[in-house]
Amino acid sequence: MPMDRASRQVPEPRSSAEVTGEHSQFRLDLERIRFSPYFSRLSAVTQVIAQPGAGPLIHNRLTHSIKVTAVARAIAVKLTDAASPTRAFALEHGCDAVVVQAAASAHDLGHPPFGHLGERVLDRLARESLGLADGFEGNAQTYRIITALDVSEAAPRGLNLTAAVRTAVAKYPWTRYLDGAAVGAGDGPLPRGLRRTANGIEVLKFSAYGIDAGDLRQARRGQPPTQQSIECSIMDIADDIAYSIHDVDDFYRAGLLSEGAVAREFRGWLKFGSKLRDLDDEAIAARSSPPGSALEGLRRKLHRSDPWISDDEAFADAVGVVAEDLVDGLLAIAFDGSIASERALSSFTNRWISHLQSSVVPAPKDEARTGLVTLDRRAWHEVEILKFVHRHFILDRSDIVLYQRGLSRVLTRAVKGLTAWVHDEHDRDRVPQRLKELVEIATAGYAQLRDERPEGIPLPEAAEVQSLGVGRGVIDYVASLSDDQALAVSEAIDGRPDRLWDIGQNL
């Protein structure tokens, strides 16, 4: 049975919208997401450096989401424009610009404190300390928020969004328990987020925990098992475009992108690329490897992971274009806060955003590694090079890693301390009310999972329902904190009173 795109888990009277029609239902979803406290919270969550240490000009998850939404809408409008050669394709697959905006606005709701570092730490704690087999995943947390944790007067749980929007949010539309049969036999390419190993399919990314799998299945009824909807595919590309540009923006402003180091790497590959190809992978990865080796490593990785589009000529062109515009252009003059430097940065950002969002095309049919739309070959390689700049020259810095190791201890203290508090029979009555409620929601979810017994999802034993509910509830609670709240909660649990009153009713 095909999916009814405007259907909701709890039917709502049409009078709940100002006007009738499918499109208006999607706009109602967009408003629910943007008025959500989880959406507002993103203003206090960052990706690499927490707001107190980053300063007000660094992008946070809210400004990122707003920009992703703008880029995604521009792509959807272009694809469906009456004069566009892609219009028939886009409409055939149900492309709706409002659904795209809603998915883009919601896509980062599940980001925990401290961004991707927080994801890794919470996943480890969830699996190793709390017994949650599917751990923590930011995309799955986003889906859990919109379907179970956030509130709307229209339903007892979640925002009660339409099936089209829930589907568009599911970037990796499976659980951690994906059945290998769903992706087919053989050794062909797998969708991003999955990896083939000697033991079968390893799930690296997923969009729903087992406890929320029934909702995802209902929303995606009639859809191919591992294929994104076209609106999800547009959101995914817009996310890549936005963060590949604004990460460069952030760290150029902060003075952390060294023109000398970036130039040495790019010029090394452009000048000695043919010689670098003669080195084996171990020599390329060595700390003593010559300039250009990291880019050569990227070229090889793209060939291994994405042979459907990876191309040496396009890669070389992309390295040259980014070297000219970023290294010899933007980075050649240090950012000093002047109007001239702001203008130069704005020009760089606008030029790249405009170019990339106009480079979206229908993807090759039945290509597992991409959604229904993709960047053309040139733009795809350029985005990979821009993401490389951030990853290689920022994330691998020792000072950033040192800072993040400290933040991992903050989250560990918070999770372990709150879990102990919930289990403390002498003091658990004074646990924060919101944490109690999240534990109750999770516990009820695991009990329902046992009753419904969905195929392919491991069922908890009756004796495990309560402990799993506590574990998931604590993870839901900590993941919903801002960076600053996580620091304050961790310090309070550690017996430090410095910031006790900063927490206030936010517990």
Protein backbone atom coordinates (compact mmCIF):
# COMPACT_ATOMS: atom_id res chain seq x y z
CA MET A 1 0.00 0.00 0.00
CA PRO A 2 1.58 3.36 -1.00
CA MET A 3 2.33 5.99 1.59
CA ASP A 4 -0.30 8.65 2.25
CA ARG A 5 2.07 11.62 2.40
CA ALA A 6 -0.22 13.81 4.49
CA SER A 7 -1.17 11.09 7.00
CA ARG A 8 -0.33 11.48 10.69
CA GLN A 9 -0.04 8.95 13.50
CA VAL A 10 -2.98 10.64 15.21
CA PRO A 11 -5.57 11.92 12.69
CA GLU A 12 -6.28 15.64 13.02
CA PRO A 13 -9.35 17.55 11.88
CA ARG A 14 -8.70 19.75 8.88
CA SER A 15 -9.86 22.73 10.93
CA SER A 16 -6.52 22.56 12.76
CA ALA A 17 -4.93 24.14 9.69
CA GLU A 18 -5.82 27.60 8.44
CA VAL A 19 -6.46 26.23 4.97
CA THR A 20 -7.07 22.74 3.68
CA GLY A 21 -4.94 20.65 1.36
CA GLU A 22 -1.82 18.53 1.51
CA HIS A 23 0.54 21.48 1.04
CA SER A 24 -0.96 23.33 4.02
CA GLN A 25 -0.47 20.25 6.18
CA PHE A 26 3.24 20.32 5.40
CA ARG A 27 3.38 24.01 6.30
CA LEU A 28 1.77 23.18 9.64
CA ASP A 29 4.61 20.69 10.20
CA LEU A 30 7.20 23.35 9.39
CA GLU A 31 5.65 25.69 11.95
CA ARG A 32 5.57 22.99 14.64
CA ILE A 33 9.26 22.30 14.13
CA ARG A 34 10.29 25.95 14.16
CA PHE A 35 8.27 26.71 17.30
CA SER A 36 9.73 23.70 19.12
CA PRO A 37 11.96 24.25 22.16
CA TYR A 38 14.26 21.60 20.70
CA PHE A 39 14.72 23.87 17.68
CA SER A 40 15.44 26.92 19.88
CA ARG A 41 17.95 24.87 21.88
CA LEU A 42 20.15 24.51 18.79
CA SER A 43 21.29 28.12 19.25
CA ALA A 44 23.34 26.88 22.22
CA VAL A 45 24.84 23.78 20.58
CA THR A 46 27.96 23.86 18.43
CA GLN A 47 29.73 21.32 16.27
CA VAL A 48 33.42 21.55 17.22
CA ILE A 49 33.95 24.26 19.87
CA ALA A 50 31.32 24.99 22.53
CA GLN A 51 29.82 28.48 22.44
CA PRO A 52 31.64 29.89 25.51
CA GLY A 53 34.99 29.10 23.89
CA ALA A 54 33.98 29.88 20.33
CA GLY A 55 32.57 33.38 20.52
CA PRO A 56 29.31 34.70 19.08
CA LEU A 57 30.37 34.66 15.41
CA ILE A 58 30.92 30.91 15.19
CA HIS A 59 28.01 29.02 13.63
CA ASN A 60 25.83 27.10 16.04
CA ARG A 61 23.41 24.31 15.15
CA LEU A 62 20.52 26.79 14.81
CA THR A 63 22.25 29.13 12.35
CA HIS A 64 23.47 26.06 10.48
CA SER A 65 19.91 24.66 10.29
CA ILE A 66 18.55 27.99 9.04
CA LYS A 67 21.16 28.07 6.28
CA VAL A 68 20.57 24.43 5.35
CA THR A 69 16.87 25.26 5.06
CA ALA A 70 17.59 28.21 2.76
CA VAL A 71 19.88 26.16 0.52
CA ALA A 72 17.47 23.19 0.47
CA ARG A 73 14.52 25.39 -0.49
CA ALA A 74 16.52 26.98 -3.33
CA ILE A 75 17.41 23.52 -4.66
CA ALA A 76 13.79 22.29 -4.47
CA VAL A 77 12.46 25.42 -6.20
CA LYS A 78 15.05 25.09 -8.99
CA LEU A 79 14.28 21.41 -9.54
CA THR A 80 10.53 22.06 -9.81
CA ASP A 81 10.69 25.32 -11.75
CA ALA A 82 8.38 25.34 -14.77
CA ALA A 83 11.31 26.01 -17.10
CA SER A 84 13.62 23.42 -15.53
CA PRO A 85 14.42 20.19 -17.41
CA THR A 86 14.28 18.42 -14.03
CA ARG A 87 10.68 19.43 -13.27
CA ALA A 88 9.04 16.23 -14.52
CA PHE A 89 11.55 14.09 -12.62
CA ALA A 90 11.12 16.07 -9.39
CA LEU A 91 7.32 16.04 -9.51
CA GLU A 92 7.26 12.34 -10.40
CA HIS A 93 9.03 11.65 -7.11
CA GLY A 94 6.79 14.04 -5.15
CA CYS A 95 9.19 16.91 -4.50
CA ASP A 96 7.55 19.55 -2.29
CA ALA A 97 9.57 22.62 -1.23
CA VAL A 98 7.76 22.94 2.12
CA VAL A 99 8.52 19.31 3.04
CA VAL A 100 12.16 20.02 2.15
CA GLN A 101 12.19 23.08 4.42
CA ALA A 102 10.60 21.15 7.29
CA ALA A 103 13.14 18.32 7.02
CA ALA A 104 16.04 20.76 6.80
CA SER A 105 14.80 22.67 9.85
CA ALA A 106 14.48 19.42 11.82
CA HIS A 107 17.57 17.56 10.64
CA ASP A 108 19.84 18.54 13.56
CA LEU A 109 17.33 18.44 16.43
CA GLY A 110 19.04 15.32 17.78
CA HIS A 111 22.50 16.87 17.99
CA PRO A 112 23.66 16.38 21.60
CA PRO A 113 25.87 18.82 23.52
CA PHE A 114 29.25 19.32 21.82
CA GLY A 115 28.06 18.04 18.44
CA HIS A 116 29.76 15.06 16.82
CA LEU A 117 32.02 14.50 19.84
CA GLY A 118 28.88 14.23 21.98
CA GLU A 119 27.45 11.65 19.58
CA ARG A 120 30.50 9.41 19.94
CA VAL A 121 30.64 9.69 23.72
CA LEU A 122 26.91 9.11 24.25
CA ASP A 123 26.96 6.14 21.86
CA ARG A 124 29.81 4.52 23.79
CA LEU A 125 28.14 5.15 27.17
CA ALA A 126 24.74 3.96 25.94
CA ARG A 127 26.11 0.67 24.67
CA GLU A 128 28.84 -0.09 27.21
CA SER A 129 27.39 1.35 30.43
CA LEU A 130 23.61 1.37 29.95
CA GLY A 131 23.04 -1.81 27.94
CA LEU A 132 21.34 -0.06 25.00
CA ALA A 133 22.25 -2.24 22.03
CA ASP A 134 21.48 0.46 19.48
CA GLY A 135 23.42 3.07 21.45
CA PHE A 136 23.08 6.70 20.46
CA GLU A 137 22.88 8.19 16.96
CA GLY A 138 22.13 11.85 16.24
CA ASN A 139 19.86 11.07 13.29
CA ALA A 140 17.89 8.52 15.29
CA GLN A 141 17.65 11.00 18.16
CA THR A 142 16.18 13.55 15.76
CA TYR A 143 13.52 11.05 14.73
CA ARG A 144 12.83 10.20 18.38
CA ILE A 145 12.37 13.87 19.23
CA ILE A 146 9.80 14.55 16.51
CA THR A 147 7.86 11.33 17.15
CA ALA A 148 8.13 10.68 20.90
CA LEU A 149 9.79 13.41 22.99
CA ASP A 150 8.58 16.77 21.72
CA VAL A 151 5.01 17.86 22.42
CA SER A 152 1.97 18.98 20.47
CA GLU A 153 -1.60 19.47 21.59
CA ALA A 154 -2.64 17.24 18.70
CA ALA A 155 -1.12 14.01 20.06
CA PRO A 156 -0.03 12.46 23.37
CA ARG A 157 3.58 12.07 22.12
CA GLY A 158 5.69 13.89 19.57
CA LEU A 159 4.82 16.57 17.03
CA ASN A 160 2.47 14.29 15.04
CA LEU A 161 4.10 15.27 11.74
CA THR A 162 2.97 14.03 8.35
CA ALA A 163 4.46 10.87 6.87
CA ALA A 164 6.16 12.90 4.12
CA VAL A 165 8.08 15.06 6.61
CA ARG A 166 9.00 12.15 8.88
CA THR A 167 10.27 10.28 5.82
CA ALA A 168 12.23 13.33 4.65
CA VAL A 169 13.97 13.59 8.04
CA ALA A 170 15.17 9.95 7.86
CA LYS A 171 18.53 10.40 6.15
CA TYR A 172 19.51 6.77 6.87
CA PRO A 173 16.07 5.11 6.69
CA TRP A 174 16.78 1.97 8.74
CA THR A 175 17.58 0.92 12.30
CA ARG A 176 20.84 -0.43 13.72
CA TYR A 177 19.31 -3.88 13.21
CA LEU A 178 19.01 -3.59 9.42
CA ASP A 179 18.42 -6.96 7.79
CA GLY A 180 21.15 -7.67 5.23
CA ALA A 181 18.48 -8.95 2.84
CA ALA A 182 17.13 -5.40 2.57
CA VAL A 183 20.29 -4.25 0.76
CA GLY A 184 20.61 -7.31 -1.45
CA ALA A 185 23.13 -10.09 -1.76
CA GLY A 186 26.61 -9.94 -3.27
CA ASP A 187 29.41 -7.49 -2.81
CA GLY A 188 27.99 -4.46 -4.62
CA PRO A 189 28.05 -0.90 -3.26
CA LEU A 190 26.08 -0.11 -0.14
CA PRO A 191 24.23 3.09 0.78
CA ARG A 192 26.21 5.62 2.81
CA GLY A 193 26.00 4.71 6.48
CA LEU A 194 26.51 0.99 5.84
CA ARG A 195 29.72 -1.01 5.50
CA ARG A 196 30.36 -4.59 4.41
CA THR A 197 32.58 -6.63 6.76
CA ALA A 198 33.61 -10.27 7.11
CA ASN A 199 30.68 -10.69 9.51
CA GLY A 200 28.05 -9.10 7.27
CA ILE A 201 26.63 -5.58 7.07
CA GLU A 202 27.85 -3.09 9.69
CA VAL A 203 25.43 -0.24 10.36
CA LEU A 204 27.37 2.98 10.96
CA LYS A 205 24.48 5.44 10.67
CA PHE A 206 20.74 4.95 11.12
CA SER A 207 17.62 7.06 11.57
CA ALA A 208 15.55 5.21 14.19
CA TYR A 209 16.19 3.24 17.36
CA GLY A 210 14.44 -0.09 17.72
CA ILE A 211 12.00 1.55 20.12
CA ASP A 212 10.88 3.95 17.34
CA ALA A 213 11.14 1.57 14.37
CA GLY A 214 7.39 1.04 14.06
CA ASP A 215 6.80 4.74 13.44
CA LEU A 216 9.50 4.88 10.75
CA ARG A 217 8.07 1.79 9.08
CA GLN A 218 4.59 3.31 9.03
CA ALA A 219 5.82 6.64 7.65
CA ARG A 220 7.82 4.97 4.85
CA ARG A 221 5.19 2.44 3.83
CA GLY A 222 5.59 1.61 0.14
CA GLN A 223 9.09 3.13 -0.12
CA PRO A 224 12.20 1.16 -1.23
CA PRO A 225 13.82 -0.14 1.99
CA THR A 226 17.06 1.87 1.90
CA GLN A 227 16.29 4.75 -0.46
CA GLN A 228 15.84 8.31 0.75
CA SER A 229 12.82 10.25 -0.43
CA ILE A 230 13.64 13.03 -2.90
CA GLU A 231 13.00 15.67 -0.21
CA CYS A 232 15.39 13.86 2.13
CA SER A 233 18.01 13.67 -0.63
CA ILE A 234 17.76 17.44 -1.19
CA MET A 235 18.07 18.11 2.55
CA ASP A 236 21.12 15.82 2.72
CA ILE A 237 22.90 17.65 -0.11
CA ALA A 238 22.01 21.06 1.35
CA ASP A 239 23.53 19.96 4.67
CA ASP A 240 26.78 19.01 2.92
CA ILE A 241 26.89 22.30 1.02
CA ALA A 242 26.18 24.48 4.06
CA TYR A 243 28.68 22.96 6.44
CA SER A 244 31.44 22.59 3.84
CA ILE A 245 31.28 26.38 3.40
CA HIS A 246 30.46 27.70 6.87
CA ASP A 247 33.15 25.62 8.59
CA VAL A 248 35.71 27.40 6.40
CA ASP A 249 33.96 30.68 7.30
CA ASP A 250 34.15 29.93 11.05
CA PHE A 251 37.77 28.96 11.27
CA TYR A 252 38.97 31.66 8.88
CA ARG A 253 37.33 34.21 11.19
CA ALA A 254 38.93 32.56 14.21
CA GLY A 255 42.39 32.64 12.62
CA LEU A 256 42.70 28.86 12.86
CA LEU A 257 43.11 28.20 9.13
CA SER A 258 46.80 28.73 8.44
CA GLU A 259 47.35 29.96 4.89
CA GLY A 260 50.86 28.49 4.95
CA ALA A 261 49.81 24.99 6.01
CA VAL A 262 46.84 24.83 3.61
CA ALA A 263 48.93 26.22 0.72
CA ARG A 264 51.72 23.72 1.37
CA GLU A 265 49.32 20.79 1.19
CA PHE A 266 47.51 21.95 -1.94
CA ARG A 267 50.63 23.03 -3.81
CA GLY A 268 52.37 19.82 -2.81
CA TRP A 269 49.65 17.73 -4.43
CA LEU A 270 49.34 19.94 -7.52
CA LYS A 271 53.10 19.87 -8.09
CA PHE A 272 54.02 16.33 -7.04
CA GLY A 273 50.74 14.45 -7.43
CA SER A 274 52.16 11.97 -9.94
CA LYS A 275 55.03 11.07 -7.59
CA LEU A 276 52.67 10.73 -4.63
CA ARG A 277 50.69 8.12 -6.55
CA ASP A 278 53.76 5.88 -6.51
CA LEU A 279 53.78 5.76 -2.68
CA ASP A 280 51.91 3.00 -0.88
CA ASP A 281 49.09 3.73 1.55
CA GLU A 282 51.32 3.35 4.61
CA ALA A 283 53.80 5.92 3.31
CA ILE A 284 50.96 8.30 2.43
CA ALA A 285 49.53 8.08 5.96
CA ALA A 286 52.88 8.46 7.78
CA ARG A 287 53.49 11.63 9.79
CA SER A 288 56.66 12.21 7.78
CA SER A 289 54.83 12.00 4.45
CA PRO A 290 55.50 14.85 1.97
CA PRO A 291 53.10 17.78 1.42
CA GLY A 292 50.11 16.73 -0.63
CA SER A 293 49.93 13.26 0.91
CA ALA A 294 46.67 13.93 2.76
CA LEU A 295 44.99 15.03 -0.47
CA GLU A 296 46.37 11.96 -2.20
CA GLY A 297 44.89 9.86 0.59
CA LEU A 298 41.53 11.54 -0.02
CA ARG A 299 41.74 10.81 -3.76
CA ARG A 300 42.29 7.12 -3.04
CA LYS A 301 39.50 7.01 -0.48
CA LEU A 302 37.02 8.52 -2.94
CA HIS A 303 37.99 5.94 -5.53
CA ARG A 304 37.38 3.12 -3.04
CA SER A 305 34.11 4.40 -1.61
CA ASP A 306 32.49 6.16 -4.58
CA PRO A 307 33.73 4.76 -7.90
CA TRP A 308 30.35 5.68 -9.43
CA ILE A 309 31.40 9.35 -9.55
CA SER A 310 35.04 9.62 -8.43
CA ASP A 311 37.24 10.79 -11.29
CA ASP A 312 40.93 11.79 -11.29
CA GLU A 313 40.50 14.65 -13.74
CA ALA A 314 37.56 16.10 -11.79
CA PHE A 315 39.51 15.68 -8.54
CA ALA A 316 42.51 17.56 -9.95
CA ASP A 317 40.26 20.32 -11.25
CA ALA A 318 38.58 20.63 -7.85
CA VAL A 319 41.92 20.85 -6.03
CA GLY A 320 42.98 23.58 -8.46
CA VAL A 321 39.75 25.57 -8.10
CA VAL A 322 39.76 25.42 -4.29
CA ALA A 323 43.48 26.26 -4.20
CA GLU A 324 42.89 29.34 -6.35
CA ASP A 325 39.78 30.60 -4.58
CA LEU A 326 40.55 29.61 -0.98
CA VAL A 327 44.34 29.42 -0.65
CA ASP A 328 45.44 32.12 -3.07
CA GLY A 329 42.26 34.15 -2.60
CA LEU A 330 40.52 34.20 0.78
CA LEU A 331 43.32 32.91 3.04
CA ALA A 332 45.99 35.09 1.44
CA ILE A 333 44.75 38.01 3.55
CA ALA A 334 44.15 37.39 7.26
CA PHE A 335 40.68 38.17 8.60
CA ASP A 336 40.92 41.36 10.69
CA GLY A 337 37.26 42.18 11.28
CA SER A 338 37.28 45.08 8.84
CA ILE A 339 34.49 45.77 6.37
CA ALA A 340 36.87 44.79 3.57
CA SER A 341 37.58 41.38 5.12
CA GLU A 342 33.87 40.83 5.81
CA ARG A 343 33.14 41.65 2.17
CA ALA A 344 35.79 39.24 0.94
CA LEU A 345 34.42 36.44 3.15
CA SER A 346 30.82 37.19 2.14
CA SER A 347 31.80 37.13 -1.53
CA PHE A 348 33.55 33.77 -1.12
CA THR A 349 30.61 32.25 0.77
CA ASN A 350 27.88 33.54 -1.54
CA ARG A 351 29.77 32.55 -4.67
CA TRP A 352 30.25 28.96 -3.52
CA ILE A 353 26.73 28.53 -2.12
CA SER A 354 25.20 29.81 -5.36
CA HIS A 355 27.42 27.57 -7.50
CA LEU A 356 26.83 24.41 -5.46
CA GLN A 357 23.08 24.73 -5.00
CA SER A 358 22.69 25.22 -8.76
CA SER A 359 24.74 22.04 -9.43
CA VAL A 360 22.15 19.52 -8.17
CA VAL A 361 21.03 17.00 -10.80
CA PRO A 362 19.09 13.71 -10.90
CA ALA A 363 21.33 10.86 -9.76
CA PRO A 364 22.14 7.80 -11.86
CA LYS A 365 19.31 5.30 -11.63
CA ASP A 366 19.68 2.56 -9.00
CA GLU A 367 23.00 3.90 -7.63
CA ALA A 368 23.14 2.78 -3.99
CA ARG A 369 25.68 5.39 -2.89
CA THR A 370 23.47 8.39 -3.59
CA GLY A 371 19.92 9.57 -3.20
CA LEU A 372 17.52 10.45 -5.99
CA VAL A 373 19.44 13.67 -6.66
CA THR A 374 23.13 14.46 -6.34
CA LEU A 375 25.72 17.12 -7.10
CA ASP A 376 27.15 16.98 -10.59
CA ARG A 377 30.64 15.50 -10.92
CA ARG A 378 32.49 18.79 -10.69
CA ALA A 379 30.59 20.12 -7.66
CA TRP A 380 30.69 16.73 -5.89
CA HIS A 381 34.49 16.77 -5.95
CA GLU A 382 34.64 20.41 -4.88
CA VAL A 383 32.51 19.72 -1.80
CA GLU A 384 34.74 16.77 -0.88
CA ILE A 385 37.80 19.03 -1.10
CA LEU A 386 36.17 21.76 1.00
CA LYS A 387 35.16 19.22 3.67
CA PHE A 388 38.74 17.92 3.62
CA VAL A 389 40.04 21.39 4.55
CA HIS A 390 37.93 21.43 7.71
CA ARG A 391 38.64 17.83 8.65
CA HIS A 392 42.40 17.89 8.06
CA PHE A 393 43.33 21.38 9.22
CA ILE A 394 40.89 21.81 12.12
CA LEU A 395 39.60 18.51 13.55
CA ASP A 396 43.09 16.96 13.68
CA ARG A 397 44.63 19.87 15.61
CA SER A 398 46.06 18.75 18.96
CA ASP A 399 44.56 21.70 20.85
CA ILE A 400 41.07 20.88 19.53
CA VAL A 401 41.50 17.20 20.42
CA LEU A 402 42.72 18.13 23.92
CA TYR A 403 39.66 20.34 24.43
CA GLN A 404 37.32 17.61 23.19
CA ARG A 405 38.82 15.01 25.50
CA GLY A 406 37.84 17.28 28.38
CA LEU A 407 34.31 17.62 27.05
CA SER A 408 33.98 13.83 26.80
CA ARG A 409 34.59 13.66 30.56
CA VAL A 410 31.82 16.24 31.09
CA LEU A 411 29.28 14.01 29.34
CA THR A 412 30.53 10.87 31.06
CA ARG A 413 30.07 12.46 34.49
CA ALA A 414 26.59 13.67 33.58
CA VAL A 415 25.36 10.31 32.25
CA LYS A 416 26.84 8.19 35.04
CA GLY A 417 25.83 10.62 37.78
CA LEU A 418 22.22 10.92 36.61
CA THR A 419 21.90 7.16 36.10
CA ALA A 420 23.11 6.53 39.65
CA TRP A 421 20.64 9.11 40.94
CA VAL A 422 17.67 7.47 39.18
CA HIS A 423 18.67 4.08 40.63
CA ASP A 424 19.22 5.47 44.17
CA GLU A 425 16.25 4.13 46.13
CA HIS A 426 16.83 6.66 48.91
CA ASP A 427 16.96 9.77 46.71
CA ARG A 428 15.36 9.03 43.34
CA ASP A 429 12.14 10.83 44.30
CA ARG A 430 14.05 14.11 43.95
CA VAL A 431 15.25 13.40 40.41
CA PRO A 432 14.34 16.32 38.08
CA GLN A 433 10.75 15.98 36.89
CA ARG A 434 11.68 16.06 33.20
CA LEU A 435 14.15 13.21 33.66
CA LYS A 436 11.46 11.17 35.44
CA GLU A 437 9.08 11.75 32.53
CA LEU A 438 11.66 10.79 29.91
CA VAL A 439 12.38 7.56 31.79
CA GLU A 440 8.62 6.84 31.91
CA ILE A 441 8.25 7.49 28.15
CA ALA A 442 11.19 5.20 27.33
CA THR A 443 10.02 2.47 29.70
CA ALA A 444 6.54 2.53 28.17
CA GLY A 445 8.18 2.34 24.73
CA TYR A 446 10.15 -0.79 25.59
CA ALA A 447 7.05 -2.39 27.12
CA GLN A 448 5.12 -1.63 23.92
CA LEU A 449 7.97 -3.12 21.89
CA ARG A 450 7.57 -6.38 23.80
CA ASP A 451 3.82 -6.38 23.21
CA GLU A 452 3.99 -5.62 19.47
CA ARG A 453 7.01 -7.87 18.75
CA PRO A 454 8.04 -6.23 15.44
CA GLU A 455 10.03 -8.39 13.08
CA GLY A 456 13.77 -7.75 12.97
CA ILE A 457 14.01 -5.80 16.26
CA PRO A 458 15.54 -7.54 19.30
CA LEU A 459 12.97 -7.76 22.06
CA PRO A 460 13.91 -6.89 25.65
CA GLU A 461 13.31 -9.44 28.37
CA ALA A 462 10.56 -8.47 30.80
CA ALA A 463 13.16 -7.90 33.52
CA GLU A 464 15.12 -5.55 31.24
CA VAL A 465 12.30 -3.15 30.39
CA GLN A 466 12.82 -0.91 33.42
CA SER A 467 16.62 -0.73 33.18
CA LEU A 468 16.49 -0.04 29.45
CA GLY A 469 13.91 2.66 30.11
CA VAL A 470 16.24 4.30 32.61
CA GLY A 471 19.17 4.10 30.22
CA ARG A 472 17.30 5.52 27.26
CA GLY A 473 15.63 8.17 29.43
CA VAL A 474 18.99 9.39 30.78
CA ILE A 475 20.44 9.50 27.25
CA ASP A 476 17.37 11.40 26.01
CA TYR A 477 17.79 13.85 28.90
CA VAL A 478 21.51 14.53 28.48
CA ALA A 479 21.18 14.74 24.70
CA SER A 480 18.55 17.46 25.12
CA LEU A 481 20.87 19.77 27.08
CA SER A 482 22.68 22.73 25.58
CA ASP A 483 26.48 22.84 25.74
CA ASP A 484 26.37 25.19 28.71
CA GLN A 485 23.69 23.16 30.53
CA ALA A 486 25.76 20.00 30.12
CA LEU A 487 28.77 21.74 31.66
CA ALA A 488 26.67 23.04 34.57
CA VAL A 489 24.99 19.67 35.26
CA SER A 490 28.32 17.86 35.15
CA GLU A 491 29.93 20.29 37.55
CA ALA A 492 26.98 20.14 39.96
CA ILE A 493 27.05 16.33 39.95
CA ASP A 494 30.78 16.54 40.64
CA GLY A 495 30.04 18.61 43.76
CA ARG A 496 31.19 21.95 42.37
CA PRO A 497 28.74 24.72 43.37
CA ASP A 498 30.14 27.41 41.04
CA ARG A 499 27.34 27.17 38.50
CA LEU A 500 24.60 25.55 40.56
CA TRP A 501 22.14 28.42 40.20
CA ASP A 502 22.77 28.69 36.46
CA ILE A 503 20.86 25.45 36.04
CA GLY A 504 17.70 26.67 37.77
CA GLN A 505 14.43 25.28 36.44
CA ASN A 506 16.18 24.04 33.28
CA LEU A 507 16.71 20.70 34.99
